[in-house]
Amino acid sequence: MTAVTLDYLIIGAGPAGLQLAALLEADGQRDYLVLEGADAPGAFFATYPRHRQLISINKRHTGTDDPELNLRLDWNSLLTDDPALLFTAYTEKYFPSADVMVQYLADFAAKTGVRVSYGTRVTRVSKNGDLFTVEAGDQSWQARAVVVATGVSKTYEPAIPGFELAEGYDVMSVDPRDYLDQKVLIIGKGNSAFETADNLMETTTLIHLAGPSSVRMAWRTHYVGHLRAVNNNFLDTYQLKSANAILDGTVRSIERDGTGYKVTFSFSRANEVVKDLHYDRVLACTGFRFDASIFDDSARPELAIRDRFPAQTEEWESVNVPGLFFAGTISQERDFKKSTSGFVHGFRYAVRALHRVLSRRYDGKPWPFAALDATPDALTAAVIERVNRTSALWQQFGFLADVVTVAGADARYHEEVPVDYFATAGLFTADHDYDQAFVVTLEYGPEHDQVDPFDITVTRVAQDVPGQAHDAAYLHPVVRYHREGQLVSTHHVAENLENRWDRPEGHVRPLAEFVGRCLSGAEG
């Protein structure tokens, strides 16, 4: 086999692979190729979710024509300057069909002109020295950097004896009539489990959802992978005594029992009482994991989080295979259940940051920046303008930051820098040896997931009151001042119901005073 040598090889033409390819294509300076095993992009969405309704919101009518602000309420679009390539142009449905996503990704790939080889299923990835070799059948390529954007394509199988007897989410019937008058156990308490239960409630005798963890509501934790309200009708049927139930505990085993199944279950809320329960069907909605089978020993990445994701550095690089990077939903290993890297509306920005990381490492390009005068007024104005418009910091809360570096009278404003990346790599260049930096994020309060936002007896921080800003549970700007690489002081901008942080007395003046104290050396 004669191998073609490229700068970048991307495996997978889902949303993340297409996003990175579009950014590389716009550069026009790099040799890259996307390898896709299916005959079209976005193959995952041709099958999942099984009941075809996405839970990523699509709000078309926002009251503004600001494209940056609109991306706060558009969770499906990839980043583009072409208005015709926004997902909101395809449907008005708030929770759209997955079929629309399939069409959208096909159009995005075609109109951006990204280089994709379809029907090219990768069978082996190896590494010799600084070069990777990627094989697909009788074809092979070499590249200095490989970016894996294959998603989580394998069912996660917990260590339950008899688990193979359960019908997986990937193969189970989605026709409610196939479950007529049956008792059904669904293993799992995530959105796929509740989506499945909601689909079957009209035809089954009873449904039990089982798992060791408590149900966590996304509206409370602010993690959109937790149970979404659009899927929680089943909770009513449980709490209002309508035959269904949620079981907290551990499935110890599954066995055949005549025409049905005997499931041994250990209840965690009843002093570990163990009971044998009987069902006609057992369905497994236990989530997915990363498939590492294509890597040989020379390039096999270490895995993390119960072997569900590749372990990654702050640059989304394998911790043990230099030059092997990850994009898309598998990049959530970096902010697992804390921010939004597992979802399109989060990882689209992470991919843009990855593109900048790669450009900086391999091509010597500095992180993009805007030059500013290092004065309190100029820096404050830049920060206030950005936090009131940015979609990246809004979606990737606490994970991506804007960083303002200061060297004497000069300042540089860098957008969308991974917080951990800045802490380890910095943004130094030969002509900008800064000694001060302001790191700007949007964040919820440290115990925000413990606060019930609908409980009127809970004391809430007063709106727009600077002195109480550090106690805010809701999303608000946080500015951290670093001097000579050390965190010196932190300023919280007061929360606001309308997410407008521009009131002269409540937001702007306190921030300007903080920046002034920092620049003068008085802070800290």
Protein backbone atom coordinates (compact mmCIF):
# COMPACT_ATOMS: atom_id res chain seq x y z
CA MET A 1 0.00 0.00 0.00
CA THR A 2 1.23 3.48 -0.91
CA ALA A 3 0.33 5.90 1.88
CA VAL A 4 -0.63 9.51 1.22
CA THR A 5 0.88 11.90 3.81
CA LEU A 6 -1.34 14.66 5.22
CA ASP A 7 -1.06 17.34 7.88
CA TYR A 8 -4.31 16.32 9.59
CA LEU A 9 -6.46 13.23 9.31
CA ILE A 10 -9.94 13.39 10.84
CA ILE A 11 -11.81 10.17 11.58
CA GLY A 12 -15.58 10.65 11.54
CA ALA A 13 -17.85 13.01 9.56
CA GLY A 14 -20.31 13.81 12.32
CA PRO A 15 -20.87 17.38 13.56
CA ALA A 16 -17.41 17.66 15.17
CA GLY A 17 -15.50 16.23 12.22
CA LEU A 18 -17.34 18.50 9.80
CA GLN A 19 -16.81 21.53 12.05
CA LEU A 20 -13.06 21.00 12.21
CA ALA A 21 -12.86 20.24 8.49
CA ALA A 22 -14.75 23.45 7.68
CA LEU A 23 -12.29 25.48 9.75
CA LEU A 24 -9.32 23.81 8.05
CA GLU A 25 -10.93 24.31 4.65
CA ALA A 26 -11.38 28.02 5.40
CA ASP A 27 -7.67 28.22 6.25
CA GLY A 28 -6.81 26.98 2.78
CA GLN A 29 -3.27 26.16 3.91
CA ARG A 30 -3.43 22.67 5.38
CA ASP A 31 -3.64 19.22 3.81
CA TYR A 32 -6.40 17.31 5.58
CA LEU A 33 -8.96 14.59 4.91
CA VAL A 34 -12.01 13.28 6.74
CA LEU A 35 -12.57 9.51 6.69
CA GLU A 36 -16.17 8.39 7.17
CA GLY A 37 -17.32 4.77 7.27
CA ALA A 38 -20.89 5.54 6.21
CA ASP A 39 -22.03 6.78 2.82
CA ALA A 40 -23.13 10.17 4.18
CA PRO A 41 -22.23 12.50 7.06
CA GLY A 42 -23.95 12.38 10.44
CA ALA A 43 -24.62 8.63 10.38
CA PHE A 44 -25.24 8.56 14.14
CA PHE A 45 -28.31 10.75 13.72
CA ALA A 46 -29.74 8.42 11.08
CA THR A 47 -30.37 5.99 13.97
CA TYR A 48 -30.33 7.98 17.22
CA PRO A 49 -32.23 8.99 19.15
CA ARG A 50 -34.37 5.93 18.45
CA HIS A 51 -37.63 7.85 18.83
CA ARG A 52 -36.29 10.57 16.52
CA GLN A 53 -36.91 13.66 18.65
CA LEU A 54 -33.82 15.68 19.51
CA ILE A 55 -33.65 17.37 22.91
CA SER A 56 -31.31 20.09 21.69
CA ILE A 57 -33.37 23.24 21.44
CA ASN A 58 -33.97 25.12 18.20
CA LYS A 59 -35.38 28.59 18.90
CA ARG A 60 -35.89 30.42 15.65
CA HIS A 61 -37.84 33.44 16.91
CA THR A 62 -35.56 35.26 19.34
CA GLY A 63 -36.39 38.93 18.85
CA THR A 64 -32.89 39.76 17.63
CA ASP A 65 -30.95 39.43 14.39
CA ASP A 66 -27.61 39.26 16.22
CA PRO A 67 -26.16 35.91 15.05
CA GLU A 68 -23.92 35.61 18.10
CA LEU A 69 -26.77 36.06 20.54
CA ASN A 70 -28.98 33.71 18.55
CA LEU A 71 -26.51 30.88 18.99
CA ARG A 72 -27.33 30.93 22.68
CA LEU A 73 -30.75 29.52 21.75
CA ASP A 74 -29.68 27.47 18.75
CA TRP A 75 -28.15 24.23 19.97
CA ASN A 76 -27.82 22.47 16.63
CA SER A 77 -26.02 24.77 14.19
CA LEU A 78 -22.37 24.41 13.42
CA LEU A 79 -20.28 27.58 13.40
CA THR A 80 -20.52 29.31 10.04
CA ASP A 81 -20.69 32.76 8.47
CA ASP A 82 -23.35 31.56 6.02
CA PRO A 83 -26.90 32.28 7.32
CA ALA A 84 -28.26 29.60 4.99
CA LEU A 85 -26.21 27.02 6.90
CA LEU A 86 -27.83 27.69 10.26
CA PHE A 87 -30.03 24.88 11.57
CA THR A 88 -32.80 27.36 12.37
CA ALA A 89 -33.32 27.83 8.62
CA TYR A 90 -34.44 24.20 8.36
CA THR A 91 -37.30 23.99 10.87
CA GLU A 92 -39.23 25.95 13.47
CA LYS A 93 -39.65 22.94 15.75
CA TYR A 94 -38.30 23.69 19.23
CA PHE A 95 -37.32 20.02 19.61
CA PRO A 96 -36.68 19.04 16.00
CA SER A 97 -36.56 15.63 14.38
CA ALA A 98 -33.21 13.87 14.05
CA ASP A 99 -34.02 13.48 10.35
CA VAL A 100 -33.60 17.24 9.98
CA MET A 101 -30.14 16.99 11.52
CA VAL A 102 -29.18 14.33 8.96
CA GLN A 103 -30.20 16.65 6.12
CA TYR A 104 -28.54 19.65 7.73
CA LEU A 105 -25.18 17.89 8.09
CA ALA A 106 -25.33 16.66 4.48
CA ASP A 107 -25.93 20.22 3.28
CA PHE A 108 -23.21 21.62 5.54
CA ALA A 109 -20.67 19.14 4.15
CA ALA A 110 -21.66 19.86 0.55
CA LYS A 111 -21.81 23.66 0.77
CA THR A 112 -18.58 24.12 2.74
CA GLY A 113 -16.71 21.88 0.31
CA VAL A 114 -14.99 19.90 3.05
CA ARG A 115 -12.87 16.97 1.88
CA VAL A 116 -14.53 13.74 3.01
CA SER A 117 -13.94 10.19 1.84
CA TYR A 118 -17.25 8.37 2.42
CA GLY A 119 -17.59 4.60 2.63
CA THR A 120 -14.12 4.53 4.14
CA ARG A 121 -14.27 2.62 7.40
CA VAL A 122 -11.02 2.85 9.37
CA THR A 123 -9.76 -0.56 10.43
CA ARG A 124 -6.38 0.24 12.00
CA VAL A 125 -4.49 3.20 13.44
CA SER A 126 -0.80 2.82 14.27
CA LYS A 127 2.12 5.14 14.97
CA ASN A 128 5.79 4.99 14.03
CA GLY A 129 7.90 7.85 15.29
CA ASP A 130 6.08 11.13 14.66
CA LEU A 131 3.77 9.80 11.95
CA PHE A 132 0.47 7.97 12.21
CA THR A 133 -0.65 5.41 9.68
CA VAL A 134 -4.40 5.04 9.23
CA GLU A 135 -5.73 2.10 7.23
CA ALA A 136 -9.13 1.47 5.69
CA GLY A 137 -9.26 -1.77 3.74
CA ASP A 138 -6.53 -1.64 1.10
CA GLN A 139 -6.07 2.14 1.48
CA SER A 140 -3.76 3.91 3.89
CA TRP A 141 -2.77 7.45 4.83
CA GLN A 142 -0.08 9.01 6.98
CA ALA A 143 -0.48 12.14 9.08
CA ARG A 144 1.41 14.06 11.71
CA ALA A 145 -1.80 14.57 13.69
CA VAL A 146 -4.95 12.44 13.87
CA VAL A 147 -8.21 13.83 15.23
CA VAL A 148 -10.78 11.23 16.28
CA ALA A 149 -14.37 12.48 16.01
CA THR A 150 -16.22 9.17 16.01
CA GLY A 151 -18.43 9.85 19.01
CA VAL A 152 -19.46 7.15 21.46
CA SER A 153 -20.52 4.37 19.13
CA LYS A 154 -20.62 1.31 21.39
CA THR A 155 -23.25 0.43 24.00
CA TYR A 156 -21.96 0.72 27.54
CA GLU A 157 -22.40 -2.67 29.20
CA PRO A 158 -22.35 -2.66 33.01
CA ALA A 159 -20.97 -5.72 34.77
CA ILE A 160 -24.31 -7.44 35.39
CA PRO A 161 -24.50 -11.24 35.06
CA GLY A 162 -27.00 -11.98 32.30
CA PHE A 163 -26.87 -8.45 30.88
CA GLU A 164 -26.64 -9.95 27.39
CA LEU A 165 -30.27 -11.06 27.78
CA ALA A 166 -31.44 -7.44 27.79
CA GLU A 167 -32.49 -5.78 24.53
CA GLY A 168 -30.20 -2.84 23.85
CA TYR A 169 -31.38 0.66 23.05
CA ASP A 170 -29.73 0.23 19.66
CA VAL A 171 -31.79 -2.83 18.64
CA MET A 172 -35.02 -2.79 20.65
CA SER A 173 -38.34 -2.25 18.91
CA VAL A 174 -39.73 1.28 19.09
CA ASP A 175 -43.26 0.17 18.16
CA PRO A 176 -45.38 0.43 21.34
CA ARG A 177 -47.69 -2.35 20.08
CA ASP A 178 -44.81 -4.81 20.38
CA TYR A 179 -45.03 -4.38 24.16
CA LEU A 180 -48.78 -4.80 24.53
CA ASP A 181 -49.80 -5.89 28.06
CA GLN A 182 -46.19 -6.59 29.04
CA LYS A 183 -44.25 -5.84 32.20
CA VAL A 184 -41.06 -4.03 31.19
CA LEU A 185 -37.86 -3.24 33.06
CA ILE A 186 -35.69 -0.47 31.65
CA ILE A 187 -32.13 -0.40 32.99
CA GLY A 188 -30.96 3.21 33.08
CA LYS A 189 -32.17 6.58 34.31
CA GLY A 190 -30.99 8.90 31.57
CA ASN A 191 -32.84 10.57 28.75
CA SER A 192 -32.80 7.47 26.53
CA ALA A 193 -34.45 5.44 29.32
CA PHE A 194 -37.16 8.04 29.96
CA GLU A 195 -37.65 8.62 26.23
CA THR A 196 -38.25 4.87 25.89
CA ALA A 197 -40.60 4.71 28.88
CA ASP A 198 -42.64 7.63 27.58
CA ASN A 199 -43.07 5.84 24.27
CA LEU A 200 -44.34 2.64 25.95
CA MET A 201 -46.63 3.97 28.69
CA GLU A 202 -49.86 3.55 26.71
CA THR A 203 -49.42 -0.14 25.85
CA THR A 204 -47.52 -1.75 28.75
CA THR A 205 -48.93 -3.22 31.97
CA LEU A 206 -46.18 -1.56 33.99
CA ILE A 207 -42.73 -0.09 33.51
CA HIS A 208 -39.91 0.03 36.04
CA LEU A 209 -36.81 2.18 35.52
CA ALA A 210 -33.82 0.92 37.50
CA GLY A 211 -30.34 2.13 38.32
CA PRO A 212 -27.95 2.85 41.19
CA SER A 213 -27.98 6.64 40.85
CA SER A 214 -30.74 9.07 41.70
CA VAL A 215 -32.63 10.82 38.92
CA ARG A 216 -31.11 14.25 38.38
CA MET A 217 -33.08 16.99 36.68
CA ALA A 218 -31.30 19.15 34.12
CA TRP A 219 -33.25 22.25 35.18
CA ARG A 220 -31.65 21.93 38.61
CA THR A 221 -28.09 20.80 37.80
CA HIS A 222 -27.75 22.87 34.60
CA TYR A 223 -26.16 19.82 32.95
CA VAL A 224 -28.26 19.21 29.85
CA GLY A 225 -27.39 15.51 29.80
CA HIS A 226 -29.39 14.96 32.97
CA LEU A 227 -33.11 14.29 32.66
CA ARG A 228 -34.81 16.90 30.51
CA ALA A 229 -38.37 18.04 31.15
CA VAL A 230 -39.42 17.01 27.66
CA ASN A 231 -38.78 13.38 28.68
CA ASN A 232 -40.08 13.36 32.24
CA ASN A 233 -43.78 12.52 31.84
CA PHE A 234 -42.96 9.15 33.37
CA LEU A 235 -42.29 10.83 36.73
CA ASP A 236 -45.96 11.79 36.98
CA THR A 237 -47.07 8.21 36.45
CA TYR A 238 -44.73 7.09 39.23
CA GLN A 239 -45.49 9.72 41.83
CA LEU A 240 -49.23 9.70 41.13
CA LYS A 241 -49.40 5.92 41.60
CA SER A 242 -50.16 4.96 38.01
CA ALA A 243 -48.56 1.48 37.92
CA ASN A 244 -45.05 2.62 36.99
CA ALA A 245 -42.06 3.01 39.30
CA ILE A 246 -38.43 4.08 39.59
CA LEU A 247 -36.18 1.61 41.40
CA ASP A 248 -33.11 2.94 43.19
CA GLY A 249 -30.51 0.25 43.55
CA THR A 250 -28.48 -2.33 41.69
CA VAL A 251 -29.47 -5.03 39.24
CA ARG A 252 -27.55 -8.06 40.51
CA SER A 253 -28.48 -10.51 37.77
CA ILE A 254 -30.82 -11.25 34.89
CA GLU A 255 -32.01 -14.81 34.20
CA ARG A 256 -34.50 -16.41 31.87
CA ASP A 257 -37.70 -17.41 33.65
CA GLY A 258 -39.97 -19.35 31.32
CA THR A 259 -41.15 -16.89 28.69
CA GLY A 260 -39.92 -13.92 30.72
CA TYR A 261 -37.06 -12.86 32.98
CA LYS A 262 -36.21 -12.98 36.66
CA VAL A 263 -34.24 -9.93 37.76
CA THR A 264 -32.53 -9.96 41.13
CA PHE A 265 -32.51 -6.40 42.46
CA SER A 266 -30.88 -4.84 45.52
CA PHE A 267 -32.81 -1.81 46.75
CA SER A 268 -30.65 1.04 48.06
CA ARG A 269 -33.52 2.84 49.83
CA ALA A 270 -34.72 -0.17 51.82
CA ASN A 271 -31.62 -1.18 53.77
CA GLU A 272 -30.32 -3.15 50.79
CA VAL A 273 -33.34 -5.45 50.60
CA VAL A 274 -32.87 -7.95 47.77
CA LYS A 275 -35.90 -9.12 45.77
CA ASP A 276 -36.55 -11.19 42.67
CA LEU A 277 -38.69 -9.24 40.21
CA HIS A 278 -40.34 -10.69 37.11
CA TYR A 279 -40.73 -9.04 33.71
CA ASP A 280 -41.72 -9.91 30.18
CA ARG A 281 -38.99 -7.71 28.67
CA VAL A 282 -35.75 -6.15 29.88
CA LEU A 283 -34.44 -3.13 27.95
CA ALA A 284 -30.96 -1.66 28.37
CA CYS A 285 -30.67 2.13 28.10
CA THR A 286 -27.27 2.36 29.75
CA GLY A 287 -25.60 4.85 27.43
CA PHE A 288 -22.65 4.59 25.09
CA ARG A 289 -18.88 4.38 25.18
CA PHE A 290 -15.90 5.13 22.95
CA ASP A 291 -14.77 2.33 20.62
CA ALA A 292 -10.97 1.97 20.79
CA SER A 293 -10.77 -1.24 18.74
CA ILE A 294 -9.21 0.44 15.68
CA PHE A 295 -6.00 1.34 17.54
CA ASP A 296 -3.08 -1.07 17.69
CA ASP A 297 -0.64 -1.15 20.61
CA SER A 298 1.51 1.65 19.17
CA ALA A 299 -1.37 4.14 19.20
CA ARG A 300 -3.93 2.85 21.69
CA PRO A 301 -5.14 5.70 23.93
CA GLU A 302 -5.67 5.29 27.64
CA LEU A 303 -9.31 5.35 28.67
CA ALA A 304 -11.08 7.10 31.55
CA ILE A 305 -14.47 7.27 33.33
CA ARG A 306 -15.18 3.53 33.44
CA ASP A 307 -13.38 3.18 30.08
CA ARG A 308 -16.12 5.16 28.34
CA PHE A 309 -13.91 7.97 26.99
CA PRO A 310 -10.28 8.50 25.97
CA ALA A 311 -8.23 10.22 28.66
CA GLN A 312 -7.22 13.69 27.44
CA THR A 313 -4.96 16.62 28.23
CA GLU A 314 -6.13 20.22 28.33
CA GLU A 315 -5.41 20.31 24.55
CA TRP A 316 -7.80 17.38 23.87
CA GLU A 317 -4.73 15.25 23.16
CA SER A 318 -4.35 11.66 24.30
CA VAL A 319 -2.49 11.53 27.61
CA ASN A 320 -0.26 8.72 26.31
CA VAL A 321 -0.23 9.07 22.48
CA PRO A 322 1.21 12.43 21.37
CA GLY A 323 -0.42 13.80 18.25
CA LEU A 324 -3.67 11.91 18.78
CA PHE A 325 -6.51 14.37 19.43
CA PHE A 326 -10.23 14.05 20.11
CA ALA A 327 -13.21 16.17 19.09
CA GLY A 328 -16.94 16.08 19.59
CA THR A 329 -18.90 14.25 22.25
CA ILE A 330 -15.86 12.20 23.33
CA SER A 331 -14.15 15.44 24.36
CA GLN A 332 -16.55 15.64 27.32
CA GLU A 333 -13.98 13.69 29.34
CA ARG A 334 -12.50 17.12 30.07
CA ASP A 335 -15.69 18.53 31.67
CA PHE A 336 -17.76 15.43 32.33
CA LYS A 337 -21.21 16.39 33.65
CA LYS A 338 -19.97 19.90 34.43
CA SER A 339 -20.36 21.83 31.17
CA THR A 340 -21.52 21.05 27.62
CA SER A 341 -18.68 19.44 25.66
CA GLY A 342 -20.78 16.31 25.12
CA PHE A 343 -23.28 18.18 22.94
CA VAL A 344 -23.22 20.07 19.64
CA HIS A 345 -23.91 23.45 21.25
CA GLY A 346 -20.85 22.97 23.45
CA PHE A 347 -18.32 21.08 21.36
CA ARG A 348 -18.70 23.32 18.32
CA TYR A 349 -16.75 25.92 20.31
CA ALA A 350 -14.34 23.34 21.69
CA VAL A 351 -13.58 22.30 18.11
CA ARG A 352 -12.87 25.92 17.19
CA ALA A 353 -10.53 26.13 20.17
CA LEU A 354 -8.90 22.84 19.13
CA HIS A 355 -8.31 24.30 15.66
CA ARG A 356 -6.49 27.21 17.30
CA VAL A 357 -4.50 24.84 19.51
CA LEU A 358 -3.38 22.85 16.45
CA SER A 359 -2.53 26.02 14.51
CA ARG A 360 -0.46 27.29 17.40
CA ARG A 361 1.41 24.03 17.91
CA TYR A 362 2.05 22.93 14.35
CA ASP A 363 2.07 26.21 12.43
CA GLY A 364 3.33 28.68 15.02
CA LYS A 365 0.23 30.88 14.77
CA PRO A 366 -0.61 32.90 17.89
CA TRP A 367 -4.05 32.68 19.43
CA PRO A 368 -6.18 35.33 17.65
CA PHE A 369 -6.47 38.59 19.59
CA ALA A 370 -7.64 42.17 19.46
CA ALA A 371 -5.23 44.87 20.66
CA LEU A 372 -6.36 47.18 23.48
CA ASP A 373 -4.97 49.97 25.60
CA ALA A 374 -4.26 48.63 29.07
CA THR A 375 -6.54 51.09 30.85
CA PRO A 376 -9.41 50.26 33.22
CA ASP A 377 -11.97 51.86 30.92
CA ALA A 378 -10.79 50.07 27.76
CA LEU A 379 -10.54 46.66 29.41
CA THR A 380 -13.86 47.02 31.20
CA ALA A 381 -15.64 48.10 28.01
CA ALA A 382 -14.24 45.10 26.12
CA VAL A 383 -15.28 42.64 28.83
CA ILE A 384 -18.79 44.11 29.21
CA GLU A 385 -19.35 44.08 25.45
CA ARG A 386 -18.28 40.42 25.19
CA VAL A 387 -20.17 38.94 28.13
CA ASN A 388 -23.37 40.50 26.87
CA ARG A 389 -23.05 38.86 23.44
CA THR A 390 -20.85 35.78 23.59
CA SER A 391 -22.45 32.44 22.86
CA ALA A 392 -19.25 30.43 23.47
CA LEU A 393 -18.82 31.41 27.13
CA TRP A 394 -22.59 31.11 27.57
CA GLN A 395 -22.69 27.55 26.30
CA GLN A 396 -19.29 26.39 27.63
CA PHE A 397 -19.76 27.92 31.07
CA GLY A 398 -16.73 27.66 33.32
CA PHE A 399 -14.81 25.76 30.65
CA LEU A 400 -13.94 28.36 28.00
CA ALA A 401 -12.74 31.84 28.90
CA ASP A 402 -11.85 35.12 27.29
CA VAL A 403 -8.34 36.07 28.39
CA VAL A 404 -7.01 39.63 28.48
CA THR A 405 -3.22 39.69 28.79
CA VAL A 406 -1.41 42.87 29.85
CA ALA A 407 2.19 43.86 29.11
CA GLY A 408 2.88 47.41 30.21
CA ALA A 409 0.60 49.81 28.36
CA ASP A 410 -0.52 47.16 25.86
CA ALA A 411 -3.26 44.56 26.24
CA ARG A 412 -4.53 41.74 24.07
CA TYR A 413 -8.05 40.31 24.13
CA HIS A 414 -8.12 36.57 23.30
CA GLU A 415 -11.50 34.85 22.88
CA GLU A 416 -12.61 31.34 23.80
CA VAL A 417 -9.50 29.92 25.44
CA PRO A 418 -9.93 26.68 27.42
CA VAL A 419 -9.43 27.60 31.07
CA ASP A 420 -7.11 24.65 31.76
CA TYR A 421 -5.14 25.28 28.57
CA PHE A 422 -4.38 28.85 29.60
CA ALA A 423 -3.32 27.70 33.06
CA THR A 424 -0.75 25.27 31.63
CA ALA A 425 0.32 26.69 28.25
CA GLY A 426 -0.37 30.40 28.62
CA LEU A 427 -0.62 32.75 25.65
CA PHE A 428 2.95 34.02 25.49
CA THR A 429 4.49 35.13 22.20
CA ALA A 430 7.91 36.55 21.36
CA ASP A 431 6.51 40.09 21.19
CA HIS A 432 4.10 39.87 24.12
CA ASP A 433 5.69 38.72 27.37
CA TYR A 434 2.78 39.66 29.64
CA ASP A 435 2.85 39.58 33.44
CA GLN A 436 -0.85 40.22 34.10
CA ALA A 437 -3.99 38.53 32.83
CA PHE A 438 -7.75 38.74 33.34
CA VAL A 439 -9.62 35.46 32.79
CA VAL A 440 -13.30 36.03 32.01
CA THR A 441 -15.88 33.25 32.27
CA LEU A 442 -19.61 32.83 32.67
CA GLU A 443 -20.35 30.54 35.61
CA TYR A 444 -23.06 29.28 37.91
CA GLY A 445 -22.46 29.45 41.65
CA PRO A 446 -20.35 26.68 43.20
CA GLU A 447 -23.41 24.97 44.77
CA HIS A 448 -25.92 25.84 42.07
CA ASP A 449 -27.08 22.23 41.71
CA GLN A 450 -28.15 22.20 45.36
CA VAL A 451 -30.53 25.13 44.93
CA ASP A 452 -34.13 24.48 43.90
CA PRO A 453 -34.93 27.45 41.64
CA PHE A 454 -38.67 26.92 42.17
CA ASP A 455 -38.57 26.96 45.98
CA ILE A 456 -39.73 30.45 47.00
CA THR A 457 -38.58 29.85 50.58
CA VAL A 458 -34.95 29.80 49.45
CA THR A 459 -33.25 33.18 49.78
CA ARG A 460 -32.03 34.41 46.40
CA VAL A 461 -29.32 36.95 45.75
CA ALA A 462 -30.81 40.34 44.91
CA GLN A 463 -30.59 41.26 41.24
CA ASP A 464 -27.82 43.64 40.17
CA VAL A 465 -26.40 44.04 43.70
CA PRO A 466 -22.58 43.96 43.39
CA GLY A 467 -21.88 43.19 47.05
CA GLN A 468 -23.84 39.94 46.86
CA ALA A 469 -22.60 38.81 43.43
CA HIS A 470 -20.22 36.15 44.78
CA ASP A 471 -23.19 34.31 46.33
CA ALA A 472 -25.16 34.13 43.08
CA ALA A 473 -26.28 30.63 42.04
CA TYR A 474 -27.39 31.65 38.55
CA LEU A 475 -25.17 32.25 35.51
CA HIS A 476 -23.09 35.41 35.77
CA PRO A 477 -19.68 36.75 34.66
CA VAL A 478 -16.62 36.01 36.79
CA VAL A 479 -13.32 37.85 36.23
CA ARG A 480 -10.14 36.42 37.75
CA TYR A 481 -6.97 38.48 37.93
CA HIS A 482 -3.61 36.73 37.55
CA ARG A 483 -0.24 38.32 38.22
CA GLU A 484 2.99 36.54 37.24
CA GLY A 485 1.11 33.30 36.76
CA GLN A 486 -0.67 33.35 40.13
CA LEU A 487 -4.34 33.96 40.87
CA VAL A 488 -4.51 37.18 42.87
CA SER A 489 -8.17 38.14 43.09
CA THR A 490 -11.65 37.31 41.77
CA HIS A 491 -14.54 39.61 40.90
CA HIS A 492 -18.12 38.41 40.39
CA VAL A 493 -20.39 40.56 38.24
CA ALA A 494 -23.89 40.72 39.71
CA GLU A 495 -26.44 38.34 38.18
CA ASN A 496 -29.31 39.72 36.15
CA LEU A 497 -32.67 38.19 35.24
CA GLU A 498 -32.37 39.21 31.58
CA ASN A 499 -28.67 38.28 31.39
CA ARG A 500 -27.74 41.87 30.67
CA TRP A 501 -24.66 42.83 32.61
CA ASP A 502 -24.34 46.45 31.52
CA ARG A 503 -25.98 48.59 34.20
CA PRO A 504 -23.62 51.50 34.93
CA GLU A 505 -23.82 51.28 38.73
CA GLY A 506 -24.64 47.59 39.18
CA HIS A 507 -22.18 46.08 36.70
CA VAL A 508 -19.83 48.48 34.90
CA ARG A 509 -18.52 50.67 37.71
CA PRO A 510 -17.69 47.82 40.15
CA LEU A 511 -15.83 45.96 37.39
CA ALA A 512 -13.92 49.09 36.30
CA GLU A 513 -12.87 49.73 39.90
CA PHE A 514 -11.69 46.13 40.25
CA VAL A 515 -9.67 46.33 37.01
CA GLY A 516 -8.20 49.66 38.11
CA ARG A 517 -7.07 48.23 41.44
CA CYS A 518 -5.50 45.28 39.67
CA LEU A 519 -3.60 47.36 37.13
CA SER A 520 -2.34 49.73 39.82
CA GLY A 521 -1.07 46.87 41.97
CA ALA A 522 -3.47 47.65 44.82
CA GLU A 523 -5.51 44.44 44.40
CA GLY A 524 -4.02 41.53 46.30
